[in-house]
Each structure stands twice: as structure tokens, then as C-alpha cells.
Amino acid sequence: MLNRVELLGNLTHDPELRYTGQGFPYCFIRLATNRYSAGQQFTDFHFVTAWHGHAERAAQELKKGDRVLIEARLETNVISHEDGRRDERIRLVATRVL
């Protein structure tokens, strides 16, 4: 099976490095990509999470406006609410940041 996404675009913000309660580094990367359809350009915005070494390197080396290639996998995140509702959200988790 294959679960891989490739995104080439520009950072819309500086990466935000944080740490879990156990001390594991993670980083939020916000990326804008362009696509073309019927002669028009559209911009899509993506929210990617990087972990461990990818997170630390992104936070040290990247800044808003940089052009980056991100390889990621899709993960489903299930959120359970107190009233019994469940929401599923798709997350992008970086496997390579170039």
C-alpha cells in the first residue's frame, strides 16, 4: 500500500517548534501551493506537522517565504466530543522536508 503526498510550495509563516509533555519535538509548517485549472491559478494552503529531527531542522533552517518540498503521509485523527459526536480530520505528517 502507498500513503504519500508531495507538496512543493512556499512557507506562509516561520515554522513553529514545540515539545510534547515527554519532550519530543514537533513543528507546525504552513505551506501555500499553486495549482492550475481551466487557465486559472488557484492557491491552496496546507498545515503540515513534522516530528523529531524533521521538526528541529525545519525550525532552525526554514523561514517564511522559503520554497520547500515536503513529502508527507496522510493520517486520520478522530476527535470525540462530550456529547458523543465524533469528528474525523485528515492530517499531513511530514516524512521529509527539503
C-alpha atoms as a PDB file:
ATOM      1  CA  MET A   1       0.000   0.000   0.000  1.00  0.00           C
ATOM      2  CA  LEU A   2       1.079   3.557  -0.584  1.00  0.00           C
ATOM      3  CA  ASN A   3       0.270   6.628   1.503  1.00  0.00           C
ATOM      4  CA  ARG A   4       2.397   9.515   0.230  1.00  0.00           C
ATOM      5  CA  VAL A   5       1.797  13.165  -0.600  1.00  0.00           C
ATOM      6  CA  GLU A   6       4.327  15.520  -2.223  1.00  0.00           C
ATOM      7  CA  LEU A   7       3.891  19.277  -1.864  1.00  0.00           C
ATOM      8  CA  LEU A   8       6.089  21.952  -3.429  1.00  0.00           C
ATOM      9  CA  GLY A   9       5.359  25.479  -2.303  1.00  0.00           C
ATOM     10  CA  ASN A  10       6.299  28.441  -0.146  1.00  0.00           C
ATOM     11  CA  LEU A  11       6.082  28.783   3.611  1.00  0.00           C
ATOM     12  CA  THR A  12       3.418  31.244   4.709  1.00  0.00           C
ATOM     13  CA  HIS A  13       4.819  31.503   8.275  1.00  0.00           C
ATOM     14  CA  ASP A  14       8.005  30.647  10.118  1.00  0.00           C
ATOM     15  CA  PRO A  15       7.883  27.037  11.377  1.00  0.00           C
ATOM     16  CA  GLU A  16       6.647  26.789  14.980  1.00  0.00           C
ATOM     17  CA  LEU A  17       8.726  24.385  17.098  1.00  0.00           C
ATOM     18  CA  ARG A  18       7.072  22.909  20.190  1.00  0.00           C
ATOM     19  CA  TYR A  19       7.605  19.969  22.524  1.00  0.00           C
ATOM     20  CA  THR A  20       5.269  17.305  23.850  1.00  0.00           C
ATOM     21  CA  GLY A  21       4.973  16.673  27.586  1.00  0.00           C
ATOM     22  CA  GLN A  22       7.510  13.867  27.135  1.00  0.00           C
ATOM     23  CA  GLY A  23       9.977  16.235  25.440  1.00  0.00           C
ATOM     24  CA  PHE A  24       9.537  15.108  21.808  1.00  0.00           C
ATOM     25  CA  PRO A  25       9.944  17.976  19.305  1.00  0.00           C
ATOM     26  CA  TYR A  26       7.272  18.699  16.727  1.00  0.00           C
ATOM     27  CA  CYS A  27       6.802  21.564  14.347  1.00  0.00           C
ATOM     28  CA  PHE A  28       3.883  23.154  12.524  1.00  0.00           C
ATOM     29  CA  ILE A  29       4.655  24.068   8.923  1.00  0.00           C
ATOM     30  CA  ARG A  30       2.226  26.174   6.906  1.00  0.00           C
ATOM     31  CA  LEU A  31       2.639  25.925   3.152  1.00  0.00           C
ATOM     32  CA  ALA A  32       0.987  27.517   0.103  1.00  0.00           C
ATOM     33  CA  THR A  33       0.911  25.628  -3.196  1.00  0.00           C
ATOM     34  CA  ASN A  34      -0.403  26.683  -6.587  1.00  0.00           C
ATOM     35  CA  ARG A  35      -2.474  24.631  -8.996  1.00  0.00           C
ATOM     36  CA  TYR A  36      -3.904  25.463 -12.381  1.00  0.00           C
ATOM     37  CA  SER A  37      -7.279  24.586 -13.842  1.00  0.00           C
ATOM     38  CA  ALA A  38      -9.016  25.901 -16.968  1.00  0.00           C
ATOM     39  CA  GLY A  39      -6.324  28.556 -17.392  1.00  0.00           C
ATOM     40  CA  GLN A  40      -6.727  29.924 -13.854  1.00  0.00           C
ATOM     41  CA  GLN A  41      -4.325  29.768 -10.936  1.00  0.00           C
ATOM     42  CA  PHE A  42      -5.581  28.681  -7.534  1.00  0.00           C
ATOM     43  CA  THR A  43      -3.651  28.739  -4.260  1.00  0.00           C
ATOM     44  CA  ASP A  44      -4.142  26.026  -1.652  1.00  0.00           C
ATOM     45  CA  PHE A  45      -2.949  26.284   1.951  1.00  0.00           C
ATOM     46  CA  HIS A  46      -1.683  23.249   3.863  1.00  0.00           C
ATOM     47  CA  PHE A  47      -0.963  22.640   7.540  1.00  0.00           C
ATOM     48  CA  VAL A  48       1.774  20.020   7.999  1.00  0.00           C
ATOM     49  CA  THR A  49       3.187  18.552  11.205  1.00  0.00           C
ATOM     50  CA  ALA A  50       6.828  17.427  11.355  1.00  0.00           C
ATOM     51  CA  TRP A  51       8.291  15.378  14.199  1.00  0.00           C
ATOM     52  CA  HIS A  52      11.696  14.804  15.794  1.00  0.00           C
ATOM     53  CA  GLY A  53      14.691  15.637  13.556  1.00  0.00           C
ATOM     54  CA  HIS A  54      12.497  16.947  10.743  1.00  0.00           C
ATOM     55  CA  ALA A  55      10.876  19.355  13.192  1.00  0.00           C
ATOM     56  CA  GLU A  56      14.120  20.658  14.651  1.00  0.00           C
ATOM     57  CA  ARG A  57      15.773  21.073  11.255  1.00  0.00           C
ATOM     58  CA  ALA A  58      12.751  22.882   9.784  1.00  0.00           C
ATOM     59  CA  ALA A  59      12.630  25.281  12.737  1.00  0.00           C
ATOM     60  CA  GLN A  60      16.371  26.026  12.501  1.00  0.00           C
ATOM     61  CA  GLU A  61      16.765  26.295   8.732  1.00  0.00           C
ATOM     62  CA  LEU A  62      13.448  27.482   7.267  1.00  0.00           C
ATOM     63  CA  LYS A  63      11.626  30.807   7.366  1.00  0.00           C
ATOM     64  CA  LYS A  64       8.539  32.437   5.921  1.00  0.00           C
ATOM     65  CA  GLY A  65       8.739  32.698   2.126  1.00  0.00           C
ATOM     66  CA  ASP A  66      11.171  29.796   1.634  1.00  0.00           C
ATOM     67  CA  ARG A  67      10.376  27.356  -1.167  1.00  0.00           C
ATOM     68  CA  VAL A  68      10.235  23.794   0.186  1.00  0.00           C
ATOM     69  CA  LEU A  69       9.403  20.287  -0.940  1.00  0.00           C
ATOM     70  CA  ILE A  70       7.545  18.256   1.664  1.00  0.00           C
ATOM     71  CA  GLU A  71       6.878  14.548   1.472  1.00  0.00           C
ATOM     72  CA  ALA A  72       4.156  13.516   3.887  1.00  0.00           C
ATOM     73  CA  ARG A  73       1.701  10.804   4.787  1.00  0.00           C
ATOM     74  CA  LEU A  74      -1.996  11.207   5.493  1.00  0.00           C
ATOM     75  CA  GLU A  75      -3.294  10.295   8.958  1.00  0.00           C
ATOM     76  CA  THR A  76      -6.856  10.283  10.243  1.00  0.00           C
ATOM     77  CA  ASN A  77      -7.324  11.996  13.597  1.00  0.00           C
ATOM     78  CA  VAL A  78     -10.556  11.167  15.447  1.00  0.00           C
ATOM     79  CA  ILE A  79     -11.896  13.718  17.927  1.00  0.00           C
ATOM     80  CA  SER A  80     -14.591  12.579  20.381  1.00  0.00           C
ATOM     81  CA  HIS A  81     -16.831  15.256  21.866  1.00  0.00           C
ATOM     82  CA  GLU A  82     -18.562  15.146  25.255  1.00  0.00           C
ATOM     83  CA  ASP A  83     -21.975  14.969  23.564  1.00  0.00           C
ATOM     84  CA  GLY A  84     -20.951  11.753  21.784  1.00  0.00           C
ATOM     85  CA  ARG A  85     -20.201  13.286  18.382  1.00  0.00           C
ATOM     86  CA  ARG A  86     -17.043  12.201  16.590  1.00  0.00           C
ATOM     87  CA  ASP A  87     -15.150  14.252  14.051  1.00  0.00           C
ATOM     88  CA  GLU A  88     -12.531  12.812  11.732  1.00  0.00           C
ATOM     89  CA  ARG A  89      -9.824  15.066  10.341  1.00  0.00           C
ATOM     90  CA  ILE A  90      -7.106  14.259   7.861  1.00  0.00           C
ATOM     91  CA  ARG A  91      -3.605  15.374   8.916  1.00  0.00           C
ATOM     92  CA  LEU A  92      -0.452  15.737   6.848  1.00  0.00           C
ATOM     93  CA  VAL A  93       2.588  14.365   8.704  1.00  0.00           C
ATOM     94  CA  ALA A  94       5.950  15.166   7.128  1.00  0.00           C
ATOM     95  CA  THR A  95       8.297  12.294   6.338  1.00  0.00           C
ATOM     96  CA  ARG A  96      10.850  14.512   4.521  1.00  0.00           C
ATOM     97  CA  VAL A  97      11.362  18.271   4.404  1.00  0.00           C
ATOM     98  CA  LEU A  98      13.734  19.522   1.702  1.00  0.00           C
END
